[in-house]
Protein backbone atom coordinates (compact mmCIF):
# COMPACT_ATOMS: atom_id res chain seq x y z
CA UNK A 1 0.05 -0.35 -0.18
CA UNK A 2 2.78 2.47 0.74
CA UNK A 3 4.41 1.75 -2.32
CA UNK A 4 1.58 2.46 -4.21
CA UNK A 5 1.25 5.73 -2.60
CA UNK A 6 4.66 6.77 -3.08
CA UNK A 7 4.47 5.66 -6.99
CA UNK A 8 1.16 7.44 -7.21
CA UNK A 9 2.82 10.76 -5.50
CA UNK A 10 5.85 10.48 -7.83
CA UNK A 11 3.67 10.23 -10.60
CA UNK A 12 1.83 13.33 -9.75
CA UNK A 13 4.86 14.97 -8.74
CA UNK A 14 6.14 14.46 -12.73
CA UNK A 15 2.88 15.57 -13.98
CA UNK A 16 2.92 18.73 -11.85
CA UNK A 17 6.55 19.50 -13.14
CA UNK A 18 5.20 18.45 -16.61
CA UNK A 19 2.43 21.18 -16.39
CA UNK A 20 4.08 23.77 -15.27
CA UNK A 21 6.97 23.44 -17.27
CA UNK A 22 5.11 23.90 -19.93
CA UNK A 23 3.31 26.75 -18.87
CA UNK A 24 6.45 28.25 -18.37
CA UNK A 25 7.56 27.66 -22.16
CA UNK A 26 4.59 28.10 -23.84
CA UNK A 27 1.81 30.40 -21.79
CA UNK A 28 4.21 31.87 -18.94
CA UNK A 29 1.45 34.49 -19.06
CA UNK A 30 -0.94 32.28 -17.35
CA UNK A 31 1.83 31.52 -14.32
CA UNK A 32 1.97 35.35 -13.87
CA UNK A 33 -1.65 35.99 -13.85
CA UNK A 34 -2.09 32.93 -11.39
CA UNK A 35 0.57 35.00 -9.29
CA UNK A 36 -0.81 38.04 -9.07
CA UNK A 37 -4.37 36.41 -7.92
CA UNK A 38 -2.43 34.79 -5.20
CA UNK A 39 -1.27 37.62 -4.20
CA UNK A 40 -4.99 39.51 -4.18
CA UNK A 41 -6.12 36.88 -2.31
CA UNK A 42 -3.63 37.45 0.16
CA UNK A 43 -4.35 40.75 0.50
CA UNK A 44 -8.06 39.94 0.76
CA UNK A 45 -9.06 41.68 -2.31
CA UNK A 46 -11.28 40.74 -5.17
CA UNK A 47 -11.42 41.96 -8.97
CA UNK A 48 -14.44 44.30 -9.97
CA UNK A 49 -15.30 46.34 -13.13
CA UNK A 50 -17.78 48.92 -13.50
CA UNK A 51 -18.75 51.11 -16.24
CA UNK A 52 -18.15 55.24 -15.28
CA UNK A 53 -18.07 57.86 -18.04
CA UNK A 54 -16.35 56.66 -21.00
CA UNK A 55 -14.37 54.13 -19.18
CA UNK A 56 -14.60 50.40 -18.08
CA UNK A 57 -12.84 50.54 -14.79
CA UNK A 58 -11.31 47.50 -13.65
CA UNK A 59 -10.70 48.14 -9.97
CA UNK A 60 -9.35 45.67 -6.57
CA UNK A 61 -11.78 46.22 -3.63
CA UNK A 62 -11.40 44.59 -0.29
CA UNK A 63 -10.91 45.16 3.37
CA UNK A 64 -12.43 47.13 6.26
CA UNK A 65 -12.36 50.14 7.85
CA UNK A 66 -12.30 53.92 6.35
CA UNK A 67 -11.57 54.24 2.67
CA UNK A 68 -8.22 54.69 0.60
CA UNK A 69 -8.46 54.79 -2.80
CA UNK A 70 -4.90 53.75 -4.50
CA UNK A 71 -3.58 55.57 -7.97
CA UNK A 72 -0.70 53.83 -9.82
CA UNK A 73 1.86 55.64 -11.81
CA UNK A 74 2.71 55.88 -15.51
CA UNK A 75 2.97 52.59 -17.62
CA UNK A 76 1.96 50.39 -14.41
CA UNK A 77 -1.20 49.20 -13.26
CA UNK A 78 -3.20 48.54 -10.21
CA UNK A 79 -0.81 45.41 -9.27
CA UNK A 80 1.83 47.80 -7.95
CA UNK A 81 -0.09 48.38 -4.79
CA UNK A 82 -0.79 44.48 -3.97
CA UNK A 83 2.01 44.16 -1.50
CA UNK A 84 0.91 47.34 0.72
CA UNK A 85 -2.43 46.37 0.33
CA UNK A 86 -1.85 43.30 2.24
CA UNK A 87 -0.64 45.45 5.28
CA UNK A 88 -3.47 48.04 4.71
CA UNK A 89 -6.47 45.72 4.37
CA UNK A 90 -6.72 44.50 8.18
CA UNK A 91 -7.36 48.23 9.01
CA UNK A 92 -9.04 50.14 5.97
CA UNK A 93 -11.25 49.45 2.96
CA UNK A 94 -9.24 49.87 -0.41
CA UNK A 95 -10.43 50.53 -3.87
CA UNK A 96 -7.26 50.27 -5.92
CA UNK A 97 -8.38 50.74 -10.10
CA UNK A 98 -6.69 50.42 -12.94
CA UNK A 99 -6.60 53.83 -14.24
CA UNK A 100 -8.42 54.50 -17.86
CA UNK A 101 -6.33 53.38 -20.77
CA UNK A 102 -3.91 51.39 -18.58
CA UNK A 103 -4.12 47.66 -16.96
CA UNK A 104 -7.30 45.88 -17.73
CA UNK A 105 -9.59 49.38 -17.92
CA UNK A 106 -10.50 50.63 -21.29
CA UNK A 107 -9.21 52.98 -23.46
CA UNK A 108 -11.04 55.40 -26.27
CA UNK A 109 -8.93 55.99 -29.47
CA UNK A 110 -8.22 59.49 -30.08
CA UNK A 111 -9.43 60.92 -26.16
CA UNK A 112 -7.17 62.53 -23.94
CA UNK A 113 -5.44 60.74 -21.21
CA UNK A 114 -3.71 63.85 -19.51
CA UNK A 115 -3.91 64.60 -15.79
CA UNK A 116 -6.73 66.76 -15.91
CA UNK A 117 -8.84 64.56 -18.31
CA UNK A 118 -7.62 61.70 -16.02
CA UNK A 119 -9.18 63.49 -12.66
CA UNK A 120 -12.54 64.02 -14.71
CA UNK A 121 -12.65 60.44 -15.25
CA UNK A 122 -11.58 59.68 -11.36
CA UNK A 123 -14.99 61.81 -10.50
CA UNK A 124 -16.86 59.94 -12.47
CA UNK A 125 -15.68 56.65 -11.29
CA UNK A 126 -16.12 57.94 -7.31
CA UNK A 127 -19.59 59.09 -8.12
CA UNK A 128 -20.42 55.68 -9.72
CA UNK A 129 -19.32 53.77 -6.44
CA UNK A 130 -20.64 56.12 -4.33
CA UNK A 131 -17.32 56.52 -2.10
CA UNK A 132 -18.52 59.19 -0.05
CA UNK A 133 -15.53 60.96 1.96
CA UNK A 134 -12.23 58.88 1.29
CA UNK A 135 -8.29 59.25 1.46
CA UNK A 136 -6.51 59.20 -1.79
CA UNK A 137 -3.32 58.34 -2.43
CA UNK A 138 -1.31 58.35 -6.00
CA UNK A 139 2.11 57.27 -7.23
CA UNK A 140 4.14 59.30 -9.58
CA UNK A 141 1.38 59.95 -12.63
CA UNK A 142 -1.09 58.73 -10.47
CA UNK A 143 0.12 61.70 -7.38
CA UNK A 144 -0.81 64.01 -10.06
CA UNK A 145 -3.87 63.04 -10.79
CA UNK A 146 -5.14 62.69 -7.50
CA UNK A 147 -3.65 66.25 -6.80
CA UNK A 148 -5.66 67.63 -9.25
CA UNK A 149 -8.68 65.52 -8.18
CA UNK A 150 -8.20 66.51 -4.51
CA UNK A 151 -7.75 70.28 -5.65
CA UNK A 152 -11.43 70.32 -7.22
CA UNK A 153 -13.00 68.09 -4.73
CA UNK A 154 -11.90 69.04 -1.50
CA UNK A 155 -14.90 67.80 0.46
CA UNK A 156 -14.32 64.01 -0.71
CA UNK A 157 -11.06 64.33 0.22
CA UNK A 158 -10.02 63.66 3.67
CA UNK A 159 -6.37 63.13 3.21
CA UNK A 160 -4.08 63.08 0.21
CA UNK A 161 -0.72 61.00 0.13
CA UNK A 162 1.71 61.90 -2.90
CA UNK A 163 4.36 59.03 -3.32
CA UNK A 164 7.26 60.25 -5.35
CA UNK A 165 4.77 62.34 -7.51
CA UNK A 166 4.77 63.72 -10.91
CA UNK A 167 3.79 67.37 -11.65
CA UNK A 168 5.83 69.06 -9.24
CA UNK A 169 8.95 71.57 -9.82
CA UNK A 170 12.35 69.89 -9.00
CA UNK A 171 15.99 70.77 -9.97
CA UNK A 172 16.13 67.95 -12.46
CA UNK A 173 18.08 64.65 -13.23
CA UNK A 174 18.99 62.88 -16.06
CA UNK A 175 15.39 61.49 -16.61
CA UNK A 176 13.92 64.75 -17.04
CA UNK A 177 16.40 66.06 -19.55
CA UNK A 178 15.84 62.82 -21.87
CA UNK A 179 12.17 63.24 -21.52
CA UNK A 180 12.49 66.75 -22.35
CA UNK A 181 14.46 65.86 -25.24
CA UNK A 182 11.40 63.25 -26.58
CA UNK A 183 13.70 60.19 -25.35
CA UNK A 184 11.08 57.67 -23.68
CA UNK A 185 12.78 54.88 -21.27
CA UNK A 186 9.53 53.24 -20.75
CA UNK A 187 9.27 51.50 -24.14
CA UNK A 188 11.42 48.68 -25.35
CA UNK A 189 11.60 45.49 -27.64
CA UNK A 190 13.91 43.31 -25.95
CA UNK A 191 14.94 41.74 -22.53
CA UNK A 192 17.93 43.93 -22.26
CA UNK A 193 15.53 47.18 -22.89
CA UNK A 194 13.02 45.86 -19.75
CA UNK A 195 16.35 45.73 -17.86
CA UNK A 196 17.16 49.46 -18.69
CA UNK A 197 13.92 50.36 -17.78
CA UNK A 198 13.49 48.59 -14.50
CA UNK A 199 17.15 49.82 -13.34
CA UNK A 200 15.67 53.43 -13.90
CA UNK A 201 12.81 52.57 -11.35
CA UNK A 202 14.25 50.21 -8.92
CA UNK A 203 17.55 50.69 -6.79
CA UNK A 204 17.58 46.56 -7.20
CA UNK A 205 15.78 45.30 -10.06
CA UNK A 206 13.78 42.43 -9.68
CA UNK A 207 14.96 39.16 -10.98
CA UNK A 208 12.54 37.96 -13.68
CA UNK A 209 12.90 34.54 -15.45
CA UNK A 210 13.45 34.90 -19.21
CA UNK A 211 9.80 33.77 -20.53
CA UNK A 212 8.51 36.24 -17.72
CA UNK A 213 10.37 39.17 -19.12
CA UNK A 214 9.31 38.25 -22.65
CA UNK A 215 5.55 38.95 -21.83
CA UNK A 216 6.27 42.40 -19.97
CA UNK A 217 8.05 42.93 -23.54
CA UNK A 218 5.21 41.71 -25.66
CA UNK A 219 2.94 43.84 -23.42
CA UNK A 220 5.18 46.84 -23.76
CA UNK A 221 5.23 46.49 -27.78
CA UNK A 222 1.28 46.01 -27.80
CA UNK A 223 0.71 48.94 -25.73
CA UNK A 224 3.46 51.24 -27.52
CA UNK A 225 1.18 53.47 -28.98
CA UNK A 226 -0.66 54.47 -26.30
CA UNK A 227 2.59 54.59 -24.14
CA UNK A 228 4.35 56.83 -26.32
CA UNK A 229 1.30 59.28 -26.78
CA UNK A 230 0.76 59.57 -23.29
CA UNK A 231 4.68 60.11 -22.49
CA UNK A 232 4.67 62.93 -25.06
CA UNK A 233 1.13 64.45 -23.55
CA UNK A 234 3.00 64.30 -20.01
CA UNK A 235 5.92 66.47 -21.13
CA UNK A 236 4.08 69.34 -21.85
CA UNK A 237 4.28 71.94 -18.90
CA UNK A 238 0.76 72.02 -18.44
CA UNK A 239 1.25 68.33 -17.54
CA UNK A 240 4.62 68.28 -15.83
CA UNK A 241 3.32 71.21 -13.65
CA UNK A 242 -0.29 70.26 -13.04
CA UNK A 243 0.42 69.49 -9.55
CA UNK A 244 2.13 72.33 -8.55
CA UNK A 245 0.16 74.84 -10.19
CA UNK A 246 -2.70 73.58 -7.86
CA UNK A 247 -1.03 73.33 -4.65
CA UNK A 248 -2.33 76.37 -3.23
CA UNK A 249 -5.83 75.07 -3.52
CA UNK A 250 -5.15 71.87 -1.22
CA UNK A 251 -6.74 72.41 2.24
CA UNK A 252 -6.85 68.93 3.48
CA UNK A 253 -4.13 67.30 5.28
CA UNK A 254 -0.87 66.42 2.71
CA UNK A 255 1.50 63.39 3.04
CA UNK A 256 4.52 63.70 0.28
CA UNK A 257 6.45 60.18 0.39
CA UNK A 258 9.52 59.82 -1.37
CA UNK A 259 12.39 57.47 -1.99
CA UNK A 260 15.51 59.13 -1.27
CA UNK A 261 17.52 57.90 -4.53
CA UNK A 262 14.66 58.57 -6.89
CA UNK A 263 16.02 58.78 -10.47
CA UNK A 264 12.63 59.48 -12.05
CA UNK A 265 11.15 62.07 -9.85
CA UNK A 266 13.98 63.89 -8.05
CA UNK A 267 13.39 64.58 -4.38
CA UNK A 268 13.77 68.28 -4.70
CA UNK A 269 10.29 68.03 -5.54
CA UNK A 270 9.37 67.40 -1.94
CA UNK A 271 10.62 71.01 -1.07
CA UNK A 272 8.17 72.30 -3.99
CA UNK A 273 5.30 70.90 -2.47
CA UNK A 274 6.25 71.96 1.23
CA UNK A 275 6.63 75.41 -0.01
CA UNK A 276 3.21 75.53 -2.22
CA UNK A 277 1.12 74.06 0.42
CA UNK A 278 -0.08 77.52 2.06
CA UNK A 279 -3.72 76.28 2.42
CA UNK A 280 -3.30 72.64 3.70
CA UNK A 281 -4.74 72.11 7.47
CA UNK A 282 -1.40 69.94 8.06
CA UNK A 283 1.62 68.68 6.14
CA UNK A 284 3.32 65.53 6.41
CA UNK A 285 6.68 64.68 4.90
CA UNK A 286 8.40 61.14 4.77
CA UNK A 287 11.67 60.33 2.84
CA UNK A 288 12.45 56.29 2.62
CA UNK A 289 16.02 55.09 1.69
CA UNK A 290 17.13 52.22 -0.42
CA UNK A 291 14.51 52.55 -2.86
CA UNK A 292 14.20 54.51 -6.17
CA UNK A 293 10.95 55.16 -7.72
CA UNK A 294 8.71 52.25 -6.87
CA UNK A 295 8.68 52.46 -2.64
CA UNK A 296 5.31 50.30 -2.83
CA UNK A 297 7.49 47.48 -4.37
CA UNK A 298 10.94 48.08 -2.67
CA UNK A 299 9.89 49.01 0.47
CA UNK A 300 5.84 47.59 1.04
CA UNK A 301 5.85 47.70 4.78
CA UNK A 302 7.36 51.13 5.41
CA UNK A 303 4.96 52.21 2.92
CA UNK A 304 2.30 50.90 4.67
CA UNK A 305 3.47 52.05 7.87
CA UNK A 306 3.66 55.72 6.74
CA UNK A 307 0.20 55.53 4.98
CA UNK A 308 -1.30 53.77 7.98
CA UNK A 309 0.08 56.63 10.06
CA UNK A 310 -1.07 59.58 8.12
CA UNK A 311 -4.46 58.02 7.58
CA UNK A 312 -5.09 57.01 11.59
CA UNK A 313 -3.89 60.70 12.24
CA UNK A 314 -6.24 62.34 10.09
């Protein structure tokens, strides 16, 4: 009997290796999606979709407590928040959308996806879900969208958290100079290009198995036209100063959270934020060491702790 069981377990293990190996070689996207589903389940998040305005929004929702809406950055999606969400859902009700045009949310050919247009779409999303009052947090491009939305709808936003946010004056760096010259580092055609883009955003880029990297390269190629048009839109002064021009209108408590070594949004933007918040009821700033432009992925526990402290303080 024992021998039969051992043979069965060996057969089952061999079959599992074949299935996983075949999936890795021929359908690596399935394994990546399965892992994201696993992370979402661990964070007690469920996937939902709703039509709001011109967009079919895909979003995560889960957790109990005061509501926090989390907005992702450029050329990424709602999954960037999964590690932080795992720390937050025991204390907060989270809503984490794919911004219009990104991830699994829809996009309209020829429509504007600049900061103001996205803030207007966010208002339609908030109204459709009847969210009421909530804390709003945004990373990078999502920070600018969050800030513009908060300036226009202060009665809805109980607190605003800006993580390595786009839309603020800074002293500049190699990335901003290249962007001004029209060089977009977030488009690539091979694994080497993907590694260069990741090195720009991470202090220690995560290691990706080759076939998983190929999935990201193919996705980037598929979305190339949208990524490039969005990048060119954000190069305009009305966009890269979109938040700066509205800082004086922000009346709620504001948190500025930055990675010390951000190579994309220079940390000098934090000074612009502090100096421009002349009407905010409270101003908090935090700087995290050992990360670059992705604090929610490189330092998720520390990021979650800072967001929790800010939310509970206000």
